[in-house]
PDB file of N, CA and C in Angstrom:
ATOM      1  N   MET A   1     -41.321 -30.816  16.514  1.00  0.00           N
ATOM      2  CA  MET A   1     -40.444 -31.886  16.086  1.00  0.00           C
ATOM      3  C   MET A   1     -41.056 -32.572  14.865  1.00  0.00           C
ATOM      4  N   SER A   2     -40.239 -32.825  13.858  1.00  0.00           N
ATOM      5  CA  SER A   2     -40.767 -33.401  12.627  1.00  0.00           C
ATOM      6  C   SER A   2     -40.951 -34.915  12.749  1.00  0.00           C
ATOM      7  N   ARG A   3     -41.772 -35.440  11.864  1.00  0.00           N
ATOM      8  CA  ARG A   3     -42.006 -36.879  11.835  1.00  0.00           C
ATOM      9  C   ARG A   3     -40.844 -37.597  11.171  1.00  0.00           C
ATOM     10  N   SER A   4     -40.708 -38.868  11.483  1.00  0.00           N
ATOM     11  CA  SER A   4     -39.686 -39.697  10.864  1.00  0.00           C
ATOM     12  C   SER A   4     -39.939 -39.788   9.356  1.00  0.00           C
ATOM     13  N   LEU A   5     -38.882 -39.809   8.567  1.00  0.00           N
ATOM     14  CA  LEU A   5     -39.036 -39.882   7.113  1.00  0.00           C
ATOM     15  C   LEU A   5     -39.693 -41.190   6.676  1.00  0.00           C
ATOM     16  N   LYS A   6     -39.439 -42.272   7.405  1.00  0.00           N
ATOM     17  CA  LYS A   6     -40.033 -43.553   7.011  1.00  0.00           C
ATOM     18  C   LYS A   6     -41.547 -43.568   7.240  1.00  0.00           C
ATOM     19  N   LYS A   7     -42.047 -42.746   8.174  1.00  0.00           N
ATOM     20  CA  LYS A   7     -43.497 -42.671   8.408  1.00  0.00           C
ATOM     21  C   LYS A   7     -44.190 -41.801   7.379  1.00  0.00           C
ATOM     22  N   GLY A   8     -43.516 -40.783   6.897  1.00  0.00           N
ATOM     23  CA  GLY A   8     -44.123 -39.873   5.938  1.00  0.00           C
ATOM     24  C   GLY A   8     -44.929 -38.788   6.637  1.00  0.00           C
ATOM     25  N   PRO A   9     -45.453 -37.847   5.877  1.00  0.00           N
ATOM     26  CA  PRO A   9     -46.205 -36.742   6.484  1.00  0.00           C
ATOM     27  C   PRO A   9     -47.571 -37.211   6.988  1.00  0.00           C
ATOM     28  N   TYR A  10     -48.070 -36.544   8.032  1.00  0.00           N
ATOM     29  CA  TYR A  10     -49.387 -36.873   8.577  1.00  0.00           C
ATOM     30  C   TYR A  10     -50.435 -36.001   7.905  1.00  0.00           C
ATOM     31  N   VAL A  11     -51.335 -36.635   7.191  1.00  0.00           N
ATOM     32  CA  VAL A  11     -52.479 -35.941   6.600  1.00  0.00           C
ATOM     33  C   VAL A  11     -53.715 -36.693   7.050  1.00  0.00           C
ATOM     34  N   ASN A  12     -54.653 -35.988   7.665  1.00  0.00           N
ATOM     35  CA  ASN A  12     -55.851 -36.604   8.201  1.00  0.00           C
ATOM     36  C   ASN A  12     -56.664 -37.242   7.068  1.00  0.00           C
ATOM     37  N   GLU A  13     -56.998 -38.525   7.222  1.00  0.00           N
ATOM     38  CA  GLU A  13     -57.750 -39.266   6.200  1.00  0.00           C
ATOM     39  C   GLU A  13     -59.124 -38.647   5.945  1.00  0.00           C
ATOM     40  N   ARG A  14     -59.786 -38.282   7.025  1.00  0.00           N
ATOM     41  CA  ARG A  14     -61.137 -37.709   6.903  1.00  0.00           C
ATOM     42  C   ARG A  14     -61.093 -36.380   6.159  1.00  0.00           C
ATOM     43  N   LEU A  15     -60.028 -35.641   6.339  1.00  0.00           N
ATOM     44  CA  LEU A  15     -59.865 -34.364   5.656  1.00  0.00           C
ATOM     45  C   LEU A  15     -59.716 -34.578   4.151  1.00  0.00           C
ATOM     46  N   LEU A  16     -58.995 -35.624   3.772  1.00  0.00           N
ATOM     47  CA  LEU A  16     -58.848 -35.937   2.345  1.00  0.00           C
ATOM     48  C   LEU A  16     -60.172 -36.373   1.731  1.00  0.00           C
ATOM     49  N   GLU A  17     -61.001 -37.089   2.515  1.00  0.00           N
ATOM     50  CA  GLU A  17     -62.326 -37.485   2.023  1.00  0.00           C
ATOM     51  C   GLU A  17     -63.196 -36.261   1.779  1.00  0.00           C
ATOM     52  N   LYS A  18     -63.170 -35.311   2.739  1.00  0.00           N
ATOM     53  CA  LYS A  18     -63.935 -34.078   2.579  1.00  0.00           C
ATOM     54  C   LYS A  18     -63.431 -33.288   1.377  1.00  0.00           C
ATOM     55  N   LEU A  19     -62.128 -33.317   1.153  1.00  0.00           N
ATOM     56  CA  LEU A  19     -61.509 -32.589   0.054  1.00  0.00           C
ATOM     57  C   LEU A  19     -61.957 -33.150  -1.296  1.00  0.00           C
ATOM     58  N   ALA A  20     -62.107 -34.488  -1.375  1.00  0.00           N
ATOM     59  CA  ALA A  20     -62.527 -35.124  -2.621  1.00  0.00           C
ATOM     60  C   ALA A  20     -63.962 -34.749  -2.978  1.00  0.00           C
ATOM     61  N   LYS A  21     -64.814 -34.519  -1.972  1.00  0.00           N
ATOM     62  CA  LYS A  21     -66.210 -34.184  -2.205  1.00  0.00           C
ATOM     63  C   LYS A  21     -66.436 -32.691  -2.446  1.00  0.00           C
ATOM     64  N   ALA A  22     -65.493 -31.871  -2.021  1.00  0.00           N
ATOM     65  CA  ALA A  22     -65.683 -30.418  -2.064  1.00  0.00           C
ATOM     66  C   ALA A  22     -65.403 -29.836  -3.442  1.00  0.00           C
ATOM     67  N   LYS A  23     -66.057 -28.693  -3.693  1.00  0.00           N
ATOM     68  CA  LYS A  23     -65.822 -27.926  -4.911  1.00  0.00           C
ATOM     69  C   LYS A  23     -64.929 -26.746  -4.548  1.00  0.00           C
ATOM     70  N   PRO A  24     -64.111 -26.251  -5.478  1.00  0.00           N
ATOM     71  CA  PRO A  24     -63.318 -25.059  -5.168  1.00  0.00           C
ATOM     72  C   PRO A  24     -64.245 -23.890  -4.830  1.00  0.00           C
ATOM     73  N   GLY A  25     -63.961 -23.210  -3.752  1.00  0.00           N
ATOM     74  CA  GLY A  25     -64.820 -22.129  -3.278  1.00  0.00           C
ATOM     75  C   GLY A  25     -65.562 -22.507  -2.012  1.00  0.00           C
ATOM     76  N   ASP A  26     -65.718 -23.817  -1.759  1.00  0.00           N
ATOM     77  CA  ASP A  26     -66.347 -24.267  -0.518  1.00  0.00           C
ATOM     78  C   ASP A  26     -65.365 -24.121   0.639  1.00  0.00           C
ATOM     79  N   THR A  27     -65.895 -23.914   1.832  1.00  0.00           N
ATOM     80  CA  THR A  27     -65.061 -23.897   3.033  1.00  0.00           C
ATOM     81  C   THR A  27     -65.185 -25.247   3.713  1.00  0.00           C
ATOM     82  N   ILE A  28     -64.044 -25.881   3.963  1.00  0.00           N
ATOM     83  CA  ILE A  28     -64.016 -27.189   4.602  1.00  0.00           C
ATOM     84  C   ILE A  28     -63.614 -26.975   6.056  1.00  0.00           C
ATOM     85  N   ASN A  29     -64.551 -27.168   6.980  1.00  0.00           N
ATOM     86  CA  ASN A  29     -64.254 -26.988   8.399  1.00  0.00           C
ATOM     87  C   ASN A  29     -63.515 -28.203   8.941  1.00  0.00           C
ATOM     88  N   THR A  30     -62.485 -27.944   9.750  1.00  0.00           N
ATOM     89  CA  THR A  30     -61.690 -29.037  10.301  1.00  0.00           C
ATOM     90  C   THR A  30     -61.168 -28.685  11.689  1.00  0.00           C
ATOM     91  N   TRP A  31     -60.974 -29.716  12.474  1.00  0.00           N
ATOM     92  CA  TRP A  31     -60.363 -29.584  13.791  1.00  0.00           C
ATOM     93  C   TRP A  31     -58.952 -30.178  13.761  1.00  0.00           C
ATOM     94  N   ALA A  32     -58.524 -30.692  12.612  1.00  0.00           N
ATOM     95  CA  ALA A  32     -57.231 -31.373  12.474  1.00  0.00           C
ATOM     96  C   ALA A  32     -56.123 -30.356  12.242  1.00  0.00           C
ATOM     97  N   ARG A  33     -55.723 -29.671  13.302  1.00  0.00           N
ATOM     98  CA  ARG A  33     -54.680 -28.651  13.199  1.00  0.00           C
ATOM     99  C   ARG A  33     -53.308 -29.263  12.921  1.00  0.00           C
ATOM    100  N   ALA A  34     -53.113 -30.526  13.308  1.00  0.00           N
ATOM    101  CA  ALA A  34     -51.816 -31.185  13.150  1.00  0.00           C
ATOM    102  C   ALA A  34     -51.610 -31.739  11.745  1.00  0.00           C
ATOM    103  N   SER A  35     -52.634 -31.686  10.909  1.00  0.00           N
ATOM    104  CA  SER A  35     -52.543 -32.236   9.569  1.00  0.00           C
ATOM    105  C   SER A  35     -51.646 -31.368   8.685  1.00  0.00           C
ATOM    106  N   MET A  36     -50.788 -32.041   7.898  1.00  0.00           N
ATOM    107  CA  MET A  36     -49.906 -31.328   6.978  1.00  0.00           C
ATOM    108  C   MET A  36     -50.708 -30.863   5.763  1.00  0.00           C
ATOM    109  N   ILE A  37     -50.237 -29.809   5.142  1.00  0.00           N
ATOM    110  CA  ILE A  37     -50.869 -29.314   3.928  1.00  0.00           C
ATOM    111  C   ILE A  37     -50.222 -30.032   2.748  1.00  0.00           C
ATOM    112  N   ALA A  38     -51.049 -30.759   1.994  1.00  0.00           N
ATOM    113  CA  ALA A  38     -50.592 -31.531   0.849  1.00  0.00           C
ATOM    114  C   ALA A  38     -50.831 -30.732  -0.435  1.00  0.00           C
ATOM    115  N   PRO A  39     -50.139 -31.078  -1.524  1.00  0.00           N
ATOM    116  CA  PRO A  39     -50.345 -30.355  -2.787  1.00  0.00           C
ATOM    117  C   PRO A  39     -51.778 -30.424  -3.319  1.00  0.00           C
ATOM    118  N   GLU A  40     -52.537 -31.459  -2.934  1.00  0.00           N
ATOM    119  CA  GLU A  40     -53.930 -31.575  -3.387  1.00  0.00           C
ATOM    120  C   GLU A  40     -54.818 -30.494  -2.778  1.00  0.00           C
ATOM    121  N   MET A  41     -54.362 -29.870  -1.704  1.00  0.00           N
ATOM    122  CA  MET A  41     -55.170 -28.893  -0.973  1.00  0.00           C
ATOM    123  C   MET A  41     -55.045 -27.478  -1.528  1.00  0.00           C
ATOM    124  N   ILE A  42     -54.163 -27.268  -2.489  1.00  0.00           N
ATOM    125  CA  ILE A  42     -53.946 -25.917  -3.028  1.00  0.00           C
ATOM    126  C   ILE A  42     -55.221 -25.413  -3.688  1.00  0.00           C
ATOM    127  N   GLY A  43     -55.597 -24.181  -3.348  1.00  0.00           N
ATOM    128  CA  GLY A  43     -56.771 -23.547  -3.941  1.00  0.00           C
ATOM    129  C   GLY A  43     -58.050 -23.710  -3.135  1.00  0.00           C
ATOM    130  N   PHE A  44     -58.002 -24.487  -2.075  1.00  0.00           N
ATOM    131  CA  PHE A  44     -59.177 -24.682  -1.239  1.00  0.00           C
ATOM    132  C   PHE A  44     -59.086 -23.815   0.016  1.00  0.00           C
ATOM    133  N   THR A  45     -60.243 -23.509   0.594  1.00  0.00           N
ATOM    134  CA  THR A  45     -60.307 -22.757   1.836  1.00  0.00           C
ATOM    135  C   THR A  45     -60.715 -23.700   2.955  1.00  0.00           C
ATOM    136  N   PHE A  46     -59.915 -23.702   4.015  1.00  0.00           N
ATOM    137  CA  PHE A  46     -60.186 -24.551   5.171  1.00  0.00           C
ATOM    138  C   PHE A  46     -60.568 -23.675   6.347  1.00  0.00           C
ATOM    139  N   GLY A  47     -61.596 -24.072   7.080  1.00  0.00           N
ATOM    140  CA  GLY A  47     -61.961 -23.406   8.318  1.00  0.00           C
ATOM    141  C   GLY A  47     -61.257 -24.148   9.442  1.00  0.00           C
ATOM    142  N   VAL A  48     -60.107 -23.643   9.891  1.00  0.00           N
ATOM    143  CA  VAL A  48     -59.297 -24.325  10.906  1.00  0.00           C
ATOM    144  C   VAL A  48     -59.731 -23.841  12.279  1.00  0.00           C
ATOM    145  N   HIS A  49     -60.089 -24.770  13.143  1.00  0.00           N
ATOM    146  CA  HIS A  49     -60.605 -24.439  14.467  1.00  0.00           C
ATOM    147  C   HIS A  49     -59.470 -23.989  15.379  1.00  0.00           C
ATOM    148  N   ASN A  50     -59.676 -22.871  16.076  1.00  0.00           N
ATOM    149  CA  ASN A  50     -58.629 -22.356  16.962  1.00  0.00           C
ATOM    150  C   ASN A  50     -58.992 -22.536  18.430  1.00  0.00           C
ATOM    151  N   GLY A  51     -60.031 -23.307  18.707  1.00  0.00           N
ATOM    152  CA  GLY A  51     -60.474 -23.516  20.079  1.00  0.00           C
ATOM    153  C   GLY A  51     -61.754 -22.775  20.364  1.00  0.00           C
ATOM    154  N   LYS A  52     -62.079 -21.788  19.537  1.00  0.00           N
ATOM    155  CA  LYS A  52     -63.294 -21.006  19.723  1.00  0.00           C
ATOM    156  C   LYS A  52     -64.104 -20.929  18.432  1.00  0.00           C
ATOM    157  N   THR A  53     -63.458 -20.569  17.340  1.00  0.00           N
ATOM    158  CA  THR A  53     -64.143 -20.440  16.049  1.00  0.00           C
ATOM    159  C   THR A  53     -63.297 -21.095  14.955  1.00  0.00           C
ATOM    160  N   HIS A  54     -63.873 -21.177  13.773  1.00  0.00           N
ATOM    161  CA  HIS A  54     -63.143 -21.661  12.602  1.00  0.00           C
ATOM    162  C   HIS A  54     -62.598 -20.453  11.851  1.00  0.00           C
ATOM    163  N   ILE A  55     -61.287 -20.396  11.689  1.00  0.00           N
ATOM    164  CA  ILE A  55     -60.650 -19.287  10.989  1.00  0.00           C
ATOM    165  C   ILE A  55     -60.380 -19.726   9.551  1.00  0.00           C
ATOM    166  N   PRO A  56     -60.868 -18.966   8.548  1.00  0.00           N
ATOM    167  CA  PRO A  56     -60.651 -19.373   7.154  1.00  0.00           C
ATOM    168  C   PRO A  56     -59.186 -19.241   6.748  1.00  0.00           C
ATOM    169  N   VAL A  57     -58.662 -20.313   6.141  1.00  0.00           N
ATOM    170  CA  VAL A  57     -57.282 -20.345   5.662  1.00  0.00           C
ATOM    171  C   VAL A  57     -57.312 -20.767   4.204  1.00  0.00           C
ATOM    172  N   PHE A  58     -56.918 -19.864   3.294  1.00  0.00           N
ATOM    173  CA  PHE A  58     -56.834 -20.189   1.876  1.00  0.00           C
ATOM    174  C   PHE A  58     -55.449 -20.755   1.609  1.00  0.00           C
ATOM    175  N   VAL A  59     -55.381 -21.961   1.062  1.00  0.00           N
ATOM    176  CA  VAL A  59     -54.115 -22.663   0.883  1.00  0.00           C
ATOM    177  C   VAL A  59     -53.466 -22.263  -0.441  1.00  0.00           C
ATOM    178  N   THR A  60     -52.195 -21.839  -0.365  1.00  0.00           N
ATOM    179  CA  THR A  60     -51.414 -21.503  -1.556  1.00  0.00           C
ATOM    180  C   THR A  60     -50.213 -22.438  -1.655  1.00  0.00           C
ATOM    181  N   GLU A  61     -49.435 -22.288  -2.714  1.00  0.00           N
ATOM    182  CA  GLU A  61     -48.304 -23.193  -2.957  1.00  0.00           C
ATOM    183  C   GLU A  61     -47.239 -23.132  -1.871  1.00  0.00           C
ATOM    184  N   ASP A  62     -46.975 -21.934  -1.331  1.00  0.00           N
ATOM    185  CA  ASP A  62     -45.895 -21.836  -0.340  1.00  0.00           C
ATOM    186  C   ASP A  62     -46.267 -22.476   0.995  1.00  0.00           C
ATOM    187  N   MET A  63     -47.524 -22.839   1.203  1.00  0.00           N
ATOM    188  CA  MET A  63     -47.953 -23.437   2.467  1.00  0.00           C
ATOM    189  C   MET A  63     -47.742 -24.949   2.499  1.00  0.00           C
ATOM    190  N   VAL A  64     -47.446 -25.565   1.366  1.00  0.00           N
ATOM    191  CA  VAL A  64     -47.298 -27.018   1.295  1.00  0.00           C
ATOM    192  C   VAL A  64     -46.149 -27.448   2.207  1.00  0.00           C
ATOM    193  N   GLY A  65     -46.406 -28.445   3.050  1.00  0.00           N
ATOM    194  CA  GLY A  65     -45.408 -28.943   3.995  1.00  0.00           C
ATOM    195  C   GLY A  65     -45.586 -28.385   5.389  1.00  0.00           C
ATOM    196  N   HIS A  66     -46.355 -27.304   5.522  1.00  0.00           N
ATOM    197  CA  HIS A  66     -46.627 -26.736   6.843  1.00  0.00           C
ATOM    198  C   HIS A  66     -47.870 -27.406   7.425  1.00  0.00           C
ATOM    199  N   ARG A  67     -48.177 -27.109   8.672  1.00  0.00           N
ATOM    200  CA  ARG A  67     -49.365 -27.660   9.322  1.00  0.00           C
ATOM    201  C   ARG A  67     -50.504 -26.658   9.241  1.00  0.00           C
ATOM    202  N   LEU A  68     -51.733 -27.129   9.231  1.00  0.00           N
ATOM    203  CA  LEU A  68     -52.895 -26.231   9.171  1.00  0.00           C
ATOM    204  C   LEU A  68     -52.955 -25.320  10.384  1.00  0.00           C
ATOM    205  N   GLY A  69     -52.569 -25.819  11.553  1.00  0.00           N
ATOM    206  CA  GLY A  69     -52.637 -25.044  12.780  1.00  0.00           C
ATOM    207  C   GLY A  69     -51.709 -23.843  12.806  1.00  0.00           C
ATOM    208  N   GLU A  70     -50.691 -23.824  11.955  1.00  0.00           N
ATOM    209  CA  GLU A  70     -49.756 -22.699  11.927  1.00  0.00           C
ATOM    210  C   GLU A  70     -50.429 -21.419  11.437  1.00  0.00           C
ATOM    211  N   PHE A  71     -51.509 -21.560  10.687  1.00  0.00           N
ATOM    212  CA  PHE A  71     -52.163 -20.405  10.078  1.00  0.00           C
ATOM    213  C   PHE A  71     -53.445 -20.017  10.801  1.00  0.00           C
ATOM    214  N   SER A  72     -53.680 -20.610  11.958  1.00  0.00           N
ATOM    215  CA  SER A  72     -54.855 -20.306  12.759  1.00  0.00           C
ATOM    216  C   SER A  72     -54.424 -20.074  14.201  1.00  0.00           C
ATOM    217  N   PRO A  73     -54.068 -18.827  14.555  1.00  0.00           N
ATOM    218  CA  PRO A  73     -53.559 -18.572  15.908  1.00  0.00           C
ATOM    219  C   PRO A  73     -54.608 -18.844  16.983  1.00  0.00           C
ATOM    220  N   THR A  74     -54.156 -19.395  18.111  1.00  0.00           N
ATOM    221  CA  THR A  74     -55.070 -19.764  19.181  1.00  0.00           C
ATOM    222  C   THR A  74     -55.164 -18.701  20.265  1.00  0.00           C
ATOM    223  N   LYS A  75     -54.231 -17.761  20.264  1.00  0.00           N
ATOM    224  CA  LYS A  75     -54.238 -16.720  21.284  1.00  0.00           C
ATOM    225  C   LYS A  75     -54.380 -15.360  20.633  1.00  0.00           C
ATOM    226  N   LYS A  76     -55.150 -14.483  21.271  1.00  0.00           N
ATOM    227  CA  LYS A  76     -55.379 -13.142  20.742  1.00  0.00           C
ATOM    228  C   LYS A  76     -54.377 -12.183  21.369  1.00  0.00           C
ATOM    229  N   PHE A  77     -53.558 -11.544  20.530  1.00  0.00           N
ATOM    230  CA  PHE A  77     -52.582 -10.587  21.034  1.00  0.00           C
ATOM    231  C   PHE A  77     -53.265  -9.237  21.194  1.00  0.00           C
ATOM    232  N   THR A  78     -53.212  -8.659  22.379  1.00  0.00           N
ATOM    233  CA  THR A  78     -53.790  -7.335  22.580  1.00  0.00           C
ATOM    234  C   THR A  78     -52.717  -6.295  22.367  1.00  0.00           C
ATOM    235  N   ARG A  79     -51.775  -6.165  23.280  1.00  0.00           N
ATOM    236  CA  ARG A  79     -50.614  -5.286  23.126  1.00  0.00           C
ATOM    237  C   ARG A  79     -49.774  -5.348  24.387  1.00  0.00           C
ATOM    238  N   HIS A  80     -48.585  -4.805  24.301  1.00  0.00           N
ATOM    239  CA  HIS A  80     -47.702  -4.710  25.450  1.00  0.00           C
ATOM    240  C   HIS A  80     -47.822  -3.323  26.053  1.00  0.00           C
ATOM    241  N   GLY A  81     -47.413  -3.166  27.289  1.00  0.00           N
ATOM    242  CA  GLY A  81     -47.176  -1.831  27.789  1.00  0.00           C
ATOM    243  C   GLY A  81     -48.031  -1.307  28.906  1.00  0.00           C
ATOM    244  N   GLY A  82     -49.320  -1.550  28.931  1.00  0.00           N
ATOM    245  CA  GLY A  82     -50.158  -1.009  29.994  1.00  0.00           C
ATOM    246  C   GLY A  82     -50.362   0.485  29.865  1.00  0.00           C
ATOM    247  N   LYS A  83     -50.281   1.215  30.979  1.00  0.00           N
ATOM    248  CA  LYS A  83     -50.588   2.643  31.028  1.00  0.00           C
ATOM    249  C   LYS A  83     -49.616   3.465  30.182  1.00  0.00           C
ATOM    250  N   MET A  84     -48.342   3.143  30.253  1.00  0.00           N
ATOM    251  CA  MET A  84     -47.345   3.891  29.499  1.00  0.00           C
ATOM    252  C   MET A  84     -47.572   3.740  27.988  1.00  0.00           C
ATOM    253  N   GLN A  85     -47.935   2.557  27.550  1.00  0.00           N
ATOM    254  CA  GLN A  85     -48.183   2.313  26.133  1.00  0.00           C
ATOM    255  C   GLN A  85     -49.404   3.091  25.664  1.00  0.00           C
ATOM    256  N   LYS A  86     -50.444   3.183  26.485  1.00  0.00           N
ATOM    257  CA  LYS A  86     -51.646   3.946  26.126  1.00  0.00           C
ATOM    258  C   LYS A  86     -51.302   5.410  25.900  1.00  0.00           C
ATOM    259  N   GLU A  87     -50.448   5.961  26.755  1.00  0.00           N
ATOM    260  CA  GLU A  87     -50.042   7.360  26.604  1.00  0.00           C
ATOM    261  C   GLU A  87     -49.272   7.570  25.305  1.00  0.00           C
ATOM    262  N   LEU A  88     -48.386   6.654  24.971  1.00  0.00           N
ATOM    263  CA  LEU A  88     -47.611   6.762  23.736  1.00  0.00           C
ATOM    264  C   LEU A  88     -48.517   6.673  22.506  1.00  0.00           C
ATOM    265  N   GLU A  89     -49.491   5.769  22.549  1.00  0.00           N
ATOM    266  CA  GLU A  89     -50.415   5.630  21.423  1.00  0.00           C
ATOM    267  C   GLU A  89     -51.282   6.868  21.267  1.00  0.00           C
ATOM    268  N   ALA A  90     -51.749   7.439  22.363  1.00  0.00           N
ATOM    269  CA  ALA A  90     -52.558   8.658  22.306  1.00  0.00           C
ATOM    270  C   ALA A  90     -51.743   9.806  21.718  1.00  0.00           C
ATOM    271  N   LYS A  91     -50.482   9.908  22.100  1.00  0.00           N
ATOM    272  CA  LYS A  91     -49.603  10.955  21.590  1.00  0.00           C
ATOM    273  C   LYS A  91     -49.382  10.784  20.086  1.00  0.00           C
ATOM    274  N   SER A  92     -49.171   9.550  19.635  1.00  0.00           N
ATOM    275  CA  SER A  92     -48.943   9.309  18.208  1.00  0.00           C
ATOM    276  C   SER A  92     -50.201   9.577  17.385  1.00  0.00           C
ATOM    277  N   GLN A  93     -51.392   9.319  17.952  1.00  0.00           N
ATOM    278  CA  GLN A  93     -52.640   9.604  17.242  1.00  0.00           C
ATOM    279  C   GLN A  93     -52.851  11.095  17.080  1.00  0.00           C
ATOM    280  N   THR A  94     -52.544  11.870  18.109  1.00  0.00           N
ATOM    281  CA  THR A  94     -52.702  13.325  17.997  1.00  0.00           C
ATOM    282  C   THR A  94     -51.696  13.890  17.001  1.00  0.00           C
ATOM    283  N   THR A  95     -50.501  13.345  16.955  1.00  0.00           N
ATOM    284  CA  THR A  95     -49.496  13.777  15.992  1.00  0.00           C
ATOM    285  C   THR A  95     -49.938  13.455  14.573  1.00  0.00           C
ATOM    286  N   ALA A  96     -50.521  12.266  14.372  1.00  0.00           N
ATOM    287  CA  ALA A  96     -51.002  11.868  13.052  1.00  0.00           C
ATOM    288  C   ALA A  96     -52.177  12.748  12.628  1.00  0.00           C
ATOM    289  N   ALA A  97     -53.064  13.081  13.546  1.00  0.00           N
ATOM    290  CA  ALA A  97     -54.202  13.946  13.220  1.00  0.00           C
ATOM    291  C   ALA A  97     -53.727  15.342  12.846  1.00  0.00           C
ATOM    292  N   ALA A  98     -52.720  15.830  13.535  1.00  0.00           N
ATOM    293  CA  ALA A  98     -52.157  17.148  13.220  1.00  0.00           C
ATOM    294  C   ALA A  98     -51.507  17.139  11.838  1.00  0.00           C
ATOM    295  N   ALA A  99     -50.868  16.043  11.478  1.00  0.00           N
ATOM    296  CA  ALA A  99     -50.239  15.936  10.163  1.00  0.00           C
ATOM    297  C   ALA A  99     -51.277  15.916   9.054  1.00  0.00           C
ATOM    298  N   VAL A 100     -52.424  15.278   9.292  1.00  0.00           N
ATOM    299  CA  VAL A 100     -53.502  15.240   8.298  1.00  0.00           C
ATOM    300  C   VAL A 100     -54.070  16.629   8.083  1.00  0.00           C
ATOM    301  N   VAL A 101     -54.261  17.359   9.175  1.00  0.00           N
ATOM    302  CA  VAL A 101     -54.805  18.718   9.091  1.00  0.00           C
ATOM    303  C   VAL A 101     -53.813  19.623   8.348  1.00  0.00           C
ATOM    304  N   ALA A 102     -52.528  19.466   8.628  1.00  0.00           N
ATOM    305  CA  ALA A 102     -51.506  20.280   7.960  1.00  0.00           C
ATOM    306  C   ALA A 102     -51.430  19.946   6.485  1.00  0.00           C
ATOM    307  N   ALA A 103     -51.660  18.701   6.110  1.00  0.00           N
ATOM    308  CA  ALA A 103     -51.605  18.286   4.715  1.00  0.00           C
ATOM    309  C   ALA A 103     -52.773  18.859   3.921  1.00  0.00           C
ATOM    310  N   LYS A 104     -53.911  19.069   4.579  1.00  0.00           N
ATOM    311  CA  LYS A 104     -55.093  19.600   3.880  1.00  0.00           C
ATOM    312  C   LYS A 104     -54.952  21.078   3.549  1.00  0.00           C
ATOM    313  N   LYS A 105     -54.098  21.798   4.297  1.00  0.00           N
ATOM    314  CA  LYS A 105     -53.928  23.238   4.076  1.00  0.00           C
ATOM    315  C   LYS A 105     -53.124  23.545   2.878  1.00  0.00           C
TER     316      LYS A 105
END
């Protein structure tokens, strides 16, 4: 849910202080996942905490207005399917290996 227009966007004050001291190329570690990406942040790399580690996020122009947490996933996707999916993946790998061998001939 978005913030009220009269309140304006939420940007963490401490994050802006760190940004003023940082040089381009430095990684700024932060736990403020709810903070909006402001135009001043373009070109900087932020280490956004996902609950376990800091994931580097390089800020570009199209990210302005989004939240930092959107670019640092908190859950690791393994895959769907179980046993049946493993069989399908094994079959596709053998098919790909056969295609590579055929291409070399």
